[in-house]
All heavy atoms as atom14 arrays in JSON, in Angstrom:
{
  "sequence": "FSGATRGFCIGHVGPEAAVGGPIALLQDGDIIEIDAEAGTISVELDD",
  "atom14_mask": [
    [1, 1, 1, 1, 1, 1, 1, 1, 1, 1, 1, 0, 0, 0],
    [1, 1, 1, 1, 1, 1, 0, 0, 0, 0, 0, 0, 0, 0],
    [1, 1, 1, 1, 0, 0, 0, 0, 0, 0, 0, 0, 0, 0],
    [1, 1, 1, 1, 1, 0, 0, 0, 0, 0, 0, 0, 0, 0],
    [1, 1, 1, 1, 1, 1, 1, 0, 0, 0, 0, 0, 0, 0],
    [1, 1, 1, 1, 1, 1, 1, 1, 1, 1, 1, 0, 0, 0],
    [1, 1, 1, 1, 0, 0, 0, 0, 0, 0, 0, 0, 0, 0],
    [1, 1, 1, 1, 1, 1, 1, 1, 1, 1, 1, 0, 0, 0],
    [1, 1, 1, 1, 1, 1, 0, 0, 0, 0, 0, 0, 0, 0],
    [1, 1, 1, 1, 1, 1, 1, 1, 0, 0, 0, 0, 0, 0],
    [1, 1, 1, 1, 0, 0, 0, 0, 0, 0, 0, 0, 0, 0],
    [1, 1, 1, 1, 1, 1, 1, 1, 1, 1, 0, 0, 0, 0],
    [1, 1, 1, 1, 1, 1, 1, 0, 0, 0, 0, 0, 0, 0],
    [1, 1, 1, 1, 0, 0, 0, 0, 0, 0, 0, 0, 0, 0],
    [1, 1, 1, 1, 1, 1, 1, 0, 0, 0, 0, 0, 0, 0],
    [1, 1, 1, 1, 1, 1, 1, 1, 1, 0, 0, 0, 0, 0],
    [1, 1, 1, 1, 1, 0, 0, 0, 0, 0, 0, 0, 0, 0],
    [1, 1, 1, 1, 1, 0, 0, 0, 0, 0, 0, 0, 0, 0],
    [1, 1, 1, 1, 1, 1, 1, 0, 0, 0, 0, 0, 0, 0],
    [1, 1, 1, 1, 0, 0, 0, 0, 0, 0, 0, 0, 0, 0],
    [1, 1, 1, 1, 0, 0, 0, 0, 0, 0, 0, 0, 0, 0],
    [1, 1, 1, 1, 1, 1, 1, 0, 0, 0, 0, 0, 0, 0],
    [1, 1, 1, 1, 1, 1, 1, 1, 0, 0, 0, 0, 0, 0],
    [1, 1, 1, 1, 1, 0, 0, 0, 0, 0, 0, 0, 0, 0],
    [1, 1, 1, 1, 1, 1, 1, 1, 0, 0, 0, 0, 0, 0],
    [1, 1, 1, 1, 1, 1, 1, 1, 0, 0, 0, 0, 0, 0],
    [1, 1, 1, 1, 1, 1, 1, 1, 1, 0, 0, 0, 0, 0],
    [1, 1, 1, 1, 1, 1, 1, 1, 0, 0, 0, 0, 0, 0],
    [1, 1, 1, 1, 0, 0, 0, 0, 0, 0, 0, 0, 0, 0],
    [1, 1, 1, 1, 1, 1, 1, 1, 0, 0, 0, 0, 0, 0],
    [1, 1, 1, 1, 1, 1, 1, 1, 0, 0, 0, 0, 0, 0],
    [1, 1, 1, 1, 1, 1, 1, 1, 0, 0, 0, 0, 0, 0],
    [1, 1, 1, 1, 1, 1, 1, 1, 1, 0, 0, 0, 0, 0],
    [1, 1, 1, 1, 1, 1, 1, 1, 0, 0, 0, 0, 0, 0],
    [1, 1, 1, 1, 1, 1, 1, 1, 0, 0, 0, 0, 0, 0],
    [1, 1, 1, 1, 1, 0, 0, 0, 0, 0, 0, 0, 0, 0],
    [1, 1, 1, 1, 1, 1, 1, 1, 1, 0, 0, 0, 0, 0],
    [1, 1, 1, 1, 1, 0, 0, 0, 0, 0, 0, 0, 0, 0],
    [1, 1, 1, 1, 0, 0, 0, 0, 0, 0, 0, 0, 0, 0],
    [1, 1, 1, 1, 1, 1, 1, 0, 0, 0, 0, 0, 0, 0],
    [1, 1, 1, 1, 1, 1, 1, 1, 0, 0, 0, 0, 0, 0],
    [1, 1, 1, 1, 1, 1, 0, 0, 0, 0, 0, 0, 0, 0],
    [1, 1, 1, 1, 1, 1, 1, 0, 0, 0, 0, 0, 0, 0],
    [1, 1, 1, 1, 1, 1, 1, 1, 1, 0, 0, 0, 0, 0],
    [1, 1, 1, 1, 1, 1, 1, 1, 0, 0, 0, 0, 0, 0],
    [1, 1, 1, 1, 1, 1, 1, 1, 0, 0, 0, 0, 0, 0],
    [1, 1, 1, 1, 1, 1, 1, 1, 0, 0, 0, 0, 0, 0]
  ],
  "atom14_positions": [
    [[68.75, 75.24, -113.52], [69.0, 75.35, -112.1], [69.25, 73.98, -111.52], [68.67, 72.99, -111.96], [67.84, 76.03, -111.39], [67.72, 77.48, -111.73], [66.66, 77.95, -112.48], [68.69, 78.37, -111.33], [66.56, 79.28, -112.82], [68.61, 79.71, -111.66], [67.55, 80.17, -112.4], [0.0, 0.0, 0.0], [0.0, 0.0, 0.0], [0.0, 0.0, 0.0]],
    [[70.09, 73.94, -110.53], [70.32, 72.7, -109.79], [69.04, 72.26, -109.12], [68.17, 73.09, -108.78], [71.41, 72.94, -108.74], [71.42, 71.9, -107.79], [0.0, 0.0, 0.0], [0.0, 0.0, 0.0], [0.0, 0.0, 0.0], [0.0, 0.0, 0.0], [0.0, 0.0, 0.0], [0.0, 0.0, 0.0], [0.0, 0.0, 0.0], [0.0, 0.0, 0.0]],
    [[68.92, 70.96, -108.9], [67.8, 70.46, -108.11], [67.81, 71.0, -106.7], [66.8, 70.99, -106.01], [0.0, 0.0, 0.0], [0.0, 0.0, 0.0], [0.0, 0.0, 0.0], [0.0, 0.0, 0.0], [0.0, 0.0, 0.0], [0.0, 0.0, 0.0], [0.0, 0.0, 0.0], [0.0, 0.0, 0.0], [0.0, 0.0, 0.0], [0.0, 0.0, 0.0]],
    [[68.96, 71.51, -106.25], [69.07, 72.09, -104.92], [68.6, 73.54, -104.86], [68.49, 74.11, -103.78], [70.52, 72.01, -104.44], [0.0, 0.0, 0.0], [0.0, 0.0, 0.0], [0.0, 0.0, 0.0], [0.0, 0.0, 0.0], [0.0, 0.0, 0.0], [0.0, 0.0, 0.0], [0.0, 0.0, 0.0], [0.0, 0.0, 0.0], [0.0, 0.0, 0.0]],
    [[68.32, 74.14, -106.01], [67.9, 75.54, -106.04], [66.53, 75.71, -105.4], [65.64, 74.89, -105.56], [67.86, 76.03, -107.5], [69.19, 76.06, -108.01], [67.28, 77.44, -107.6], [0.0, 0.0, 0.0], [0.0, 0.0, 0.0], [0.0, 0.0, 0.0], [0.0, 0.0, 0.0], [0.0, 0.0, 0.0], [0.0, 0.0, 0.0], [0.0, 0.0, 0.0]],
    [[66.36, 76.8, -104.69], [65.05, 77.18, -104.2], [64.88, 78.67, -104.39], [65.84, 79.41, -104.57], [64.87, 76.79, -102.73], [65.94, 77.29, -101.78], [65.67, 76.83, -100.37], [66.74, 77.2, -99.45], [66.55, 77.35, -98.16], [65.34, 77.19, -97.64], [67.56, 77.67, -97.37], [0.0, 0.0, 0.0], [0.0, 0.0, 0.0], [0.0, 0.0, 0.0]],
    [[63.63, 79.13, -104.34], [63.33, 80.52, -104.6], [62.7, 80.69, -105.98], [62.47, 79.71, -106.7], [0.0, 0.0, 0.0], [0.0, 0.0, 0.0], [0.0, 0.0, 0.0], [0.0, 0.0, 0.0], [0.0, 0.0, 0.0], [0.0, 0.0, 0.0], [0.0, 0.0, 0.0], [0.0, 0.0, 0.0], [0.0, 0.0, 0.0], [0.0, 0.0, 0.0]],
    [[62.4, 81.93, -106.35], [61.71, 82.19, -107.62], [62.74, 82.18, -108.75], [63.22, 83.22, -109.2], [60.99, 83.53, -107.57], [59.59, 83.45, -108.11], [58.52, 84.0, -107.42], [59.33, 82.79, -109.3], [57.23, 83.92, -107.91], [58.05, 82.69, -109.8], [56.99, 83.26, -109.1], [0.0, 0.0, 0.0], [0.0, 0.0, 0.0], [0.0, 0.0, 0.0]],
    [[63.1, 80.97, -109.19], [64.16, 80.79, -110.19], [63.58, 80.02, -111.37], [63.2, 78.86, -111.23], [65.33, 80.03, -109.58], [66.07, 80.91, -108.18], [0.0, 0.0, 0.0], [0.0, 0.0, 0.0], [0.0, 0.0, 0.0], [0.0, 0.0, 0.0], [0.0, 0.0, 0.0], [0.0, 0.0, 0.0], [0.0, 0.0, 0.0], [0.0, 0.0, 0.0]],
    [[63.54, 80.67, -112.52], [62.92, 80.1, -113.71], [64.01, 79.74, -114.7], [64.8, 80.59, -115.12], [61.92, 81.1, -114.36], [60.72, 81.33, -113.43], [61.45, 80.6, -115.71], [60.9, 82.45, -112.46], [0.0, 0.0, 0.0], [0.0, 0.0, 0.0], [0.0, 0.0, 0.0], [0.0, 0.0, 0.0], [0.0, 0.0, 0.0], [0.0, 0.0, 0.0]],
    [[64.06, 78.47, -115.09], [65.05, 78.01, -116.04], [64.45, 77.47, -117.32], [63.23, 77.42, -117.48], [0.0, 0.0, 0.0], [0.0, 0.0, 0.0], [0.0, 0.0, 0.0], [0.0, 0.0, 0.0], [0.0, 0.0, 0.0], [0.0, 0.0, 0.0], [0.0, 0.0, 0.0], [0.0, 0.0, 0.0], [0.0, 0.0, 0.0], [0.0, 0.0, 0.0]],
    [[65.32, 77.07, -118.24], [64.93, 76.45, -119.51], [64.15, 77.42, -120.4], [63.38, 77.0, -121.25], [64.07, 75.19, -119.28], [64.71, 74.14, -118.45], [64.32, 72.81, -118.52], [65.67, 74.18, -117.52], [65.04, 72.09, -117.66], [65.86, 72.92, -117.05], [0.0, 0.0, 0.0], [0.0, 0.0, 0.0], [0.0, 0.0, 0.0], [0.0, 0.0, 0.0]],
    [[64.32, 78.73, -120.21], [63.56, 79.7, -121.0], [63.91, 79.51, -122.47], [65.08, 79.55, -122.87], [63.88, 81.14, -120.54], [63.28, 82.15, -121.51], [63.38, 81.38, -119.13], [0.0, 0.0, 0.0], [0.0, 0.0, 0.0], [0.0, 0.0, 0.0], [0.0, 0.0, 0.0], [0.0, 0.0, 0.0], [0.0, 0.0, 0.0], [0.0, 0.0, 0.0]],
    [[62.89, 79.29, -123.28], [63.13, 79.0, -124.69], [62.19, 79.77, -125.61], [61.07, 80.11, -125.22], [0.0, 0.0, 0.0], [0.0, 0.0, 0.0], [0.0, 0.0, 0.0], [0.0, 0.0, 0.0], [0.0, 0.0, 0.0], [0.0, 0.0, 0.0], [0.0, 0.0, 0.0], [0.0, 0.0, 0.0], [0.0, 0.0, 0.0], [0.0, 0.0, 0.0]],
    [[62.63, 80.06, -126.82], [63.94, 79.76, -127.38], [65.06, 80.49, -126.63], [64.86, 81.57, -126.1], [63.85, 80.24, -128.84], [62.39, 80.32, -129.12], [61.74, 80.68, -127.83], [0.0, 0.0, 0.0], [0.0, 0.0, 0.0], [0.0, 0.0, 0.0], [0.0, 0.0, 0.0], [0.0, 0.0, 0.0], [0.0, 0.0, 0.0], [0.0, 0.0, 0.0]],
    [[66.24, 79.89, -126.64], [67.37, 80.46, -125.92], [67.9, 81.7, -126.63], [67.63, 81.95, -127.82], [68.47, 79.43, -125.74], [69.08, 78.9, -127.03], [70.28, 77.99, -126.76], [71.29, 78.52, -126.26], [70.2, 76.79, -127.07], [0.0, 0.0, 0.0], [0.0, 0.0, 0.0], [0.0, 0.0, 0.0], [0.0, 0.0, 0.0], [0.0, 0.0, 0.0]],
    [[68.7, 82.46, -125.92], [69.23, 83.71, -126.46], [70.1, 83.49, -127.68], [70.09, 84.3, -128.62], [70.02, 84.45, -125.38], [0.0, 0.0, 0.0], [0.0, 0.0, 0.0], [0.0, 0.0, 0.0], [0.0, 0.0, 0.0], [0.0, 0.0, 0.0], [0.0, 0.0, 0.0], [0.0, 0.0, 0.0], [0.0, 0.0, 0.0], [0.0, 0.0, 0.0]],
    [[70.84, 82.39, -127.72], [71.78, 82.16, -128.81], [71.1, 82.03, -130.17], [71.73, 82.23, -131.2], [72.61, 80.91, -128.53], [0.0, 0.0, 0.0], [0.0, 0.0, 0.0], [0.0, 0.0, 0.0], [0.0, 0.0, 0.0], [0.0, 0.0, 0.0], [0.0, 0.0, 0.0], [0.0, 0.0, 0.0], [0.0, 0.0, 0.0], [0.0, 0.0, 0.0]],
    [[69.82, 81.68, -130.18], [69.09, 81.56, -131.45], [68.12, 82.72, -131.63], [67.23, 82.67, -132.49], [68.37, 80.2, -131.56], [69.38, 79.06, -131.52], [67.32, 80.03, -130.46], [0.0, 0.0, 0.0], [0.0, 0.0, 0.0], [0.0, 0.0, 0.0], [0.0, 0.0, 0.0], [0.0, 0.0, 0.0], [0.0, 0.0, 0.0], [0.0, 0.0, 0.0]],
    [[68.27, 83.76, -130.81], [67.44, 84.95, -130.97], [66.12, 84.9, -130.25], [65.18, 85.65, -130.6], [0.0, 0.0, 0.0], [0.0, 0.0, 0.0], [0.0, 0.0, 0.0], [0.0, 0.0, 0.0], [0.0, 0.0, 0.0], [0.0, 0.0, 0.0], [0.0, 0.0, 0.0], [0.0, 0.0, 0.0], [0.0, 0.0, 0.0], [0.0, 0.0, 0.0]],
    [[66.0, 84.06, -129.21], [64.78, 84.02, -128.43], [64.52, 85.34, -127.73], [65.43, 86.17, -127.57], [0.0, 0.0, 0.0], [0.0, 0.0, 0.0], [0.0, 0.0, 0.0], [0.0, 0.0, 0.0], [0.0, 0.0, 0.0], [0.0, 0.0, 0.0], [0.0, 0.0, 0.0], [0.0, 0.0, 0.0], [0.0, 0.0, 0.0], [0.0, 0.0, 0.0]],
    [[63.29, 85.57, -127.28], [62.96, 86.86, -126.65], [63.84, 87.23, -125.47], [64.06, 88.41, -125.22], [61.5, 86.64, -126.19], [60.95, 85.64, -127.15], [62.09, 84.72, -127.46], [0.0, 0.0, 0.0], [0.0, 0.0, 0.0], [0.0, 0.0, 0.0], [0.0, 0.0, 0.0], [0.0, 0.0, 0.0], [0.0, 0.0, 0.0], [0.0, 0.0, 0.0]],
    [[64.39, 86.26, -124.76], [65.26, 86.59, -123.64], [66.5, 87.36, -124.09], [67.06, 88.16, -123.34], [65.66, 85.29, -122.88], [66.33, 85.64, -121.54], [66.55, 84.4, -123.72], [66.58, 84.43, -120.65], [0.0, 0.0, 0.0], [0.0, 0.0, 0.0], [0.0, 0.0, 0.0], [0.0, 0.0, 0.0], [0.0, 0.0, 0.0], [0.0, 0.0, 0.0]],
    [[66.9, 87.17, -125.37], [68.05, 87.91, -125.91], [67.72, 89.38, -126.15], [68.62, 90.21, -126.26], [68.52, 87.28, -127.22], [0.0, 0.0, 0.0], [0.0, 0.0, 0.0], [0.0, 0.0, 0.0], [0.0, 0.0, 0.0], [0.0, 0.0, 0.0], [0.0, 0.0, 0.0], [0.0, 0.0, 0.0], [0.0, 0.0, 0.0], [0.0, 0.0, 0.0]],
    [[66.43, 89.71, -126.23], [66.0, 91.06, -126.59], [65.74, 91.94, -125.39], [65.48, 93.14, -125.54], [64.73, 90.97, -127.45], [64.77, 89.99, -128.62], [63.44, 89.99, -129.36], [65.93, 90.3, -129.56], [0.0, 0.0, 0.0], [0.0, 0.0, 0.0], [0.0, 0.0, 0.0], [0.0, 0.0, 0.0], [0.0, 0.0, 0.0], [0.0, 0.0, 0.0]],
    [[65.82, 91.37, -124.2], [65.54, 92.14, -122.99], [66.6, 93.21, -122.75], [67.77, 93.04, -123.07], [65.49, 91.21, -121.77], [64.35, 90.19, -121.72], [64.51, 89.31, -120.49], [62.99, 90.89, -121.7], [0.0, 0.0, 0.0], [0.0, 0.0, 0.0], [0.0, 0.0, 0.0], [0.0, 0.0, 0.0], [0.0, 0.0, 0.0], [0.0, 0.0, 0.0]],
    [[66.14, 94.31, -122.13], [67.04, 95.38, -121.71], [66.8, 95.68, -120.24], [65.71, 95.41, -119.71], [66.79, 96.64, -122.55], [67.06, 96.46, -124.03], [66.67, 97.68, -124.86], [66.23, 98.69, -124.32], [66.84, 97.58, -126.16], [0.0, 0.0, 0.0], [0.0, 0.0, 0.0], [0.0, 0.0, 0.0], [0.0, 0.0, 0.0], [0.0, 0.0, 0.0]],
    [[67.82, 96.22, -119.57], [67.65, 96.61, -118.18], [66.43, 97.51, -118.03], [66.24, 98.46, -118.81], [68.89, 97.35, -117.67], [70.06, 96.43, -117.43], [69.88, 95.19, -117.49], [71.18, 96.94, -117.19], [0.0, 0.0, 0.0], [0.0, 0.0, 0.0], [0.0, 0.0, 0.0], [0.0, 0.0, 0.0], [0.0, 0.0, 0.0], [0.0, 0.0, 0.0]],
    [[65.61, 97.21, -117.04], [64.43, 98.03, -116.76], [63.15, 97.5, -117.36], [62.06, 97.92, -116.94], [0.0, 0.0, 0.0], [0.0, 0.0, 0.0], [0.0, 0.0, 0.0], [0.0, 0.0, 0.0], [0.0, 0.0, 0.0], [0.0, 0.0, 0.0], [0.0, 0.0, 0.0], [0.0, 0.0, 0.0], [0.0, 0.0, 0.0], [0.0, 0.0, 0.0]],
    [[63.23, 96.61, -118.35], [62.01, 96.0, -118.88], [61.27, 95.3, -117.74], [61.88, 94.61, -116.91], [62.33, 94.97, -119.96], [62.82, 95.59, -121.26], [62.59, 96.79, -121.48], [63.46, 94.86, -122.06], [0.0, 0.0, 0.0], [0.0, 0.0, 0.0], [0.0, 0.0, 0.0], [0.0, 0.0, 0.0], [0.0, 0.0, 0.0], [0.0, 0.0, 0.0]],
    [[59.97, 95.44, -117.7], [59.18, 94.86, -116.61], [58.77, 93.44, -116.97], [58.11, 93.2, -118.0], [57.94, 95.71, -116.31], [58.36, 97.13, -115.92], [57.12, 95.07, -115.18], [59.27, 97.2, -114.71], [0.0, 0.0, 0.0], [0.0, 0.0, 0.0], [0.0, 0.0, 0.0], [0.0, 0.0, 0.0], [0.0, 0.0, 0.0], [0.0, 0.0, 0.0]],
    [[59.18, 92.51, -116.11], [58.9, 91.09, -116.3], [57.89, 90.66, -115.25], [58.02, 91.01, -114.07], [60.18, 90.25, -116.19], [61.14, 90.61, -117.33], [59.87, 88.77, -116.2], [62.51, 90.01, -117.2], [0.0, 0.0, 0.0], [0.0, 0.0, 0.0], [0.0, 0.0, 0.0], [0.0, 0.0, 0.0], [0.0, 0.0, 0.0], [0.0, 0.0, 0.0]],
    [[56.89, 89.89, -115.68], [55.87, 89.39, -114.76], [55.82, 87.87, -114.83], [55.72, 87.29, -115.91], [54.5, 89.98, -115.09], [53.43, 89.59, -114.09], [52.13, 90.37, -114.26], [52.04, 91.15, -115.25], [51.23, 90.21, -113.42], [0.0, 0.0, 0.0], [0.0, 0.0, 0.0], [0.0, 0.0, 0.0], [0.0, 0.0, 0.0], [0.0, 0.0, 0.0]],
    [[55.88, 87.25, -113.65], [55.86, 85.79, -113.55], [54.68, 85.4, -112.67], [54.51, 85.96, -111.58], [57.17, 85.27, -112.91], [58.4, 85.8, -113.67], [57.18, 83.75, -112.86], [59.65, 85.87, -112.8], [0.0, 0.0, 0.0], [0.0, 0.0, 0.0], [0.0, 0.0, 0.0], [0.0, 0.0, 0.0], [0.0, 0.0, 0.0], [0.0, 0.0, 0.0]],
    [[53.88, 84.46, -113.15], [52.74, 83.97, -112.38], [52.74, 82.46, -112.42], [52.32, 81.85, -113.41], [51.43, 84.53, -112.95], [50.23, 84.22, -112.06], [50.26, 83.21, -111.34], [49.24, 84.98, -112.11], [0.0, 0.0, 0.0], [0.0, 0.0, 0.0], [0.0, 0.0, 0.0], [0.0, 0.0, 0.0], [0.0, 0.0, 0.0], [0.0, 0.0, 0.0]],
    [[53.25, 81.83, -111.36], [53.35, 80.37, -111.34], [52.01, 79.7, -111.12], [51.87, 78.51, -111.36], [54.34, 79.94, -110.26], [0.0, 0.0, 0.0], [0.0, 0.0, 0.0], [0.0, 0.0, 0.0], [0.0, 0.0, 0.0], [0.0, 0.0, 0.0], [0.0, 0.0, 0.0], [0.0, 0.0, 0.0], [0.0, 0.0, 0.0], [0.0, 0.0, 0.0]],
    [[51.01, 80.46, -110.66], [49.67, 79.89, -110.53], [49.0, 79.79, -111.9], [48.4, 78.77, -112.25], [48.82, 80.73, -109.58], [49.26, 80.62, -108.13], [48.35, 81.38, -107.18], [47.43, 82.08, -107.68], [48.55, 81.28, -105.96], [0.0, 0.0, 0.0], [0.0, 0.0, 0.0], [0.0, 0.0, 0.0], [0.0, 0.0, 0.0], [0.0, 0.0, 0.0]],
    [[49.12, 80.87, -112.69], [48.54, 80.87, -114.03], [49.44, 80.18, -115.05], [49.0, 79.85, -116.15], [48.28, 82.31, -114.48], [0.0, 0.0, 0.0], [0.0, 0.0, 0.0], [0.0, 0.0, 0.0], [0.0, 0.0, 0.0], [0.0, 0.0, 0.0], [0.0, 0.0, 0.0], [0.0, 0.0, 0.0], [0.0, 0.0, 0.0], [0.0, 0.0, 0.0]],
    [[50.72, 79.97, -114.71], [51.66, 79.33, -115.62], [52.15, 80.26, -116.71], [52.33, 79.82, -117.86], [0.0, 0.0, 0.0], [0.0, 0.0, 0.0], [0.0, 0.0, 0.0], [0.0, 0.0, 0.0], [0.0, 0.0, 0.0], [0.0, 0.0, 0.0], [0.0, 0.0, 0.0], [0.0, 0.0, 0.0], [0.0, 0.0, 0.0], [0.0, 0.0, 0.0]],
    [[52.39, 81.53, -116.37], [52.78, 82.5, -117.4], [54.08, 83.22, -117.02], [54.4, 83.39, -115.85], [51.68, 83.57, -117.6], [51.45, 84.24, -116.35], [50.4, 82.94, -118.09], [0.0, 0.0, 0.0], [0.0, 0.0, 0.0], [0.0, 0.0, 0.0], [0.0, 0.0, 0.0], [0.0, 0.0, 0.0], [0.0, 0.0, 0.0], [0.0, 0.0, 0.0]],
    [[54.8, 83.65, -118.05], [55.99, 84.49, -117.89], [56.03, 85.43, -119.09], [56.03, 85.0, -120.24], [57.28, 83.64, -117.78], [58.5, 84.55, -117.64], [57.43, 82.68, -118.94], [59.78, 83.81, -117.27], [0.0, 0.0, 0.0], [0.0, 0.0, 0.0], [0.0, 0.0, 0.0], [0.0, 0.0, 0.0], [0.0, 0.0, 0.0], [0.0, 0.0, 0.0]],
    [[56.01, 86.73, -118.81], [55.9, 87.69, -119.91], [56.69, 88.96, -119.59], [57.04, 89.24, -118.44], [54.43, 88.06, -120.14], [53.86, 88.61, -118.96], [0.0, 0.0, 0.0], [0.0, 0.0, 0.0], [0.0, 0.0, 0.0], [0.0, 0.0, 0.0], [0.0, 0.0, 0.0], [0.0, 0.0, 0.0], [0.0, 0.0, 0.0], [0.0, 0.0, 0.0]],
    [[56.98, 89.7, -120.65], [57.63, 90.99, -120.53], [56.66, 92.03, -121.09], [55.96, 91.78, -122.07], [58.98, 91.03, -121.27], [58.83, 90.68, -122.75], [59.66, 92.39, -121.11], [0.0, 0.0, 0.0], [0.0, 0.0, 0.0], [0.0, 0.0, 0.0], [0.0, 0.0, 0.0], [0.0, 0.0, 0.0], [0.0, 0.0, 0.0], [0.0, 0.0, 0.0]],
    [[56.61, 93.18, -120.44], [55.67, 94.23, -120.85], [56.18, 94.97, -122.07], [56.52, 96.16, -122.03], [55.4, 95.18, -119.68], [54.61, 94.52, -118.55], [54.23, 95.51, -117.45], [54.68, 96.69, -117.51], [53.5, 95.12, -116.53], [0.0, 0.0, 0.0], [0.0, 0.0, 0.0], [0.0, 0.0, 0.0], [0.0, 0.0, 0.0], [0.0, 0.0, 0.0]],
    [[56.26, 94.25, -123.17], [56.62, 94.8, -124.47], [55.65, 94.26, -125.5], [55.32, 93.06, -125.46], [58.05, 94.4, -124.85], [59.19, 94.89, -123.94], [60.5, 94.22, -124.37], [59.32, 96.39, -123.96], [0.0, 0.0, 0.0], [0.0, 0.0, 0.0], [0.0, 0.0, 0.0], [0.0, 0.0, 0.0], [0.0, 0.0, 0.0], [0.0, 0.0, 0.0]],
    [[55.22, 95.1, -126.42], [54.3, 94.6, -127.44], [55.09, 93.97, -128.59], [56.32, 94.05, -128.65], [53.37, 95.71, -127.96], [54.13, 96.9, -128.55], [55.27, 96.72, -129.03], [53.56, 98.01, -128.54], [0.0, 0.0, 0.0], [0.0, 0.0, 0.0], [0.0, 0.0, 0.0], [0.0, 0.0, 0.0], [0.0, 0.0, 0.0], [0.0, 0.0, 0.0]],
    [[54.38, 93.33, -129.49], [55.03, 92.61, -130.59], [55.84, 93.55, -131.48], [56.89, 93.17, -132.0], [53.98, 91.88, -131.43], [53.36, 90.7, -130.69], [53.94, 90.29, -129.66], [52.31, 90.22, -131.13], [0.0, 0.0, 0.0], [0.0, 0.0, 0.0], [0.0, 0.0, 0.0], [0.0, 0.0, 0.0], [0.0, 0.0, 0.0], [0.0, 0.0, 0.0]]
  ]
}
């Protein structure tokens, strides 16, 4: 994201999709939870 970006915008998610990171495995409707106080970002899918 640009330094000018504001709002709930999370970047640098790694590993990236091109190498098969979890972000590549997401499907529409998967529930994502972000907690910037706890420092967590997760998807409600088990291993």
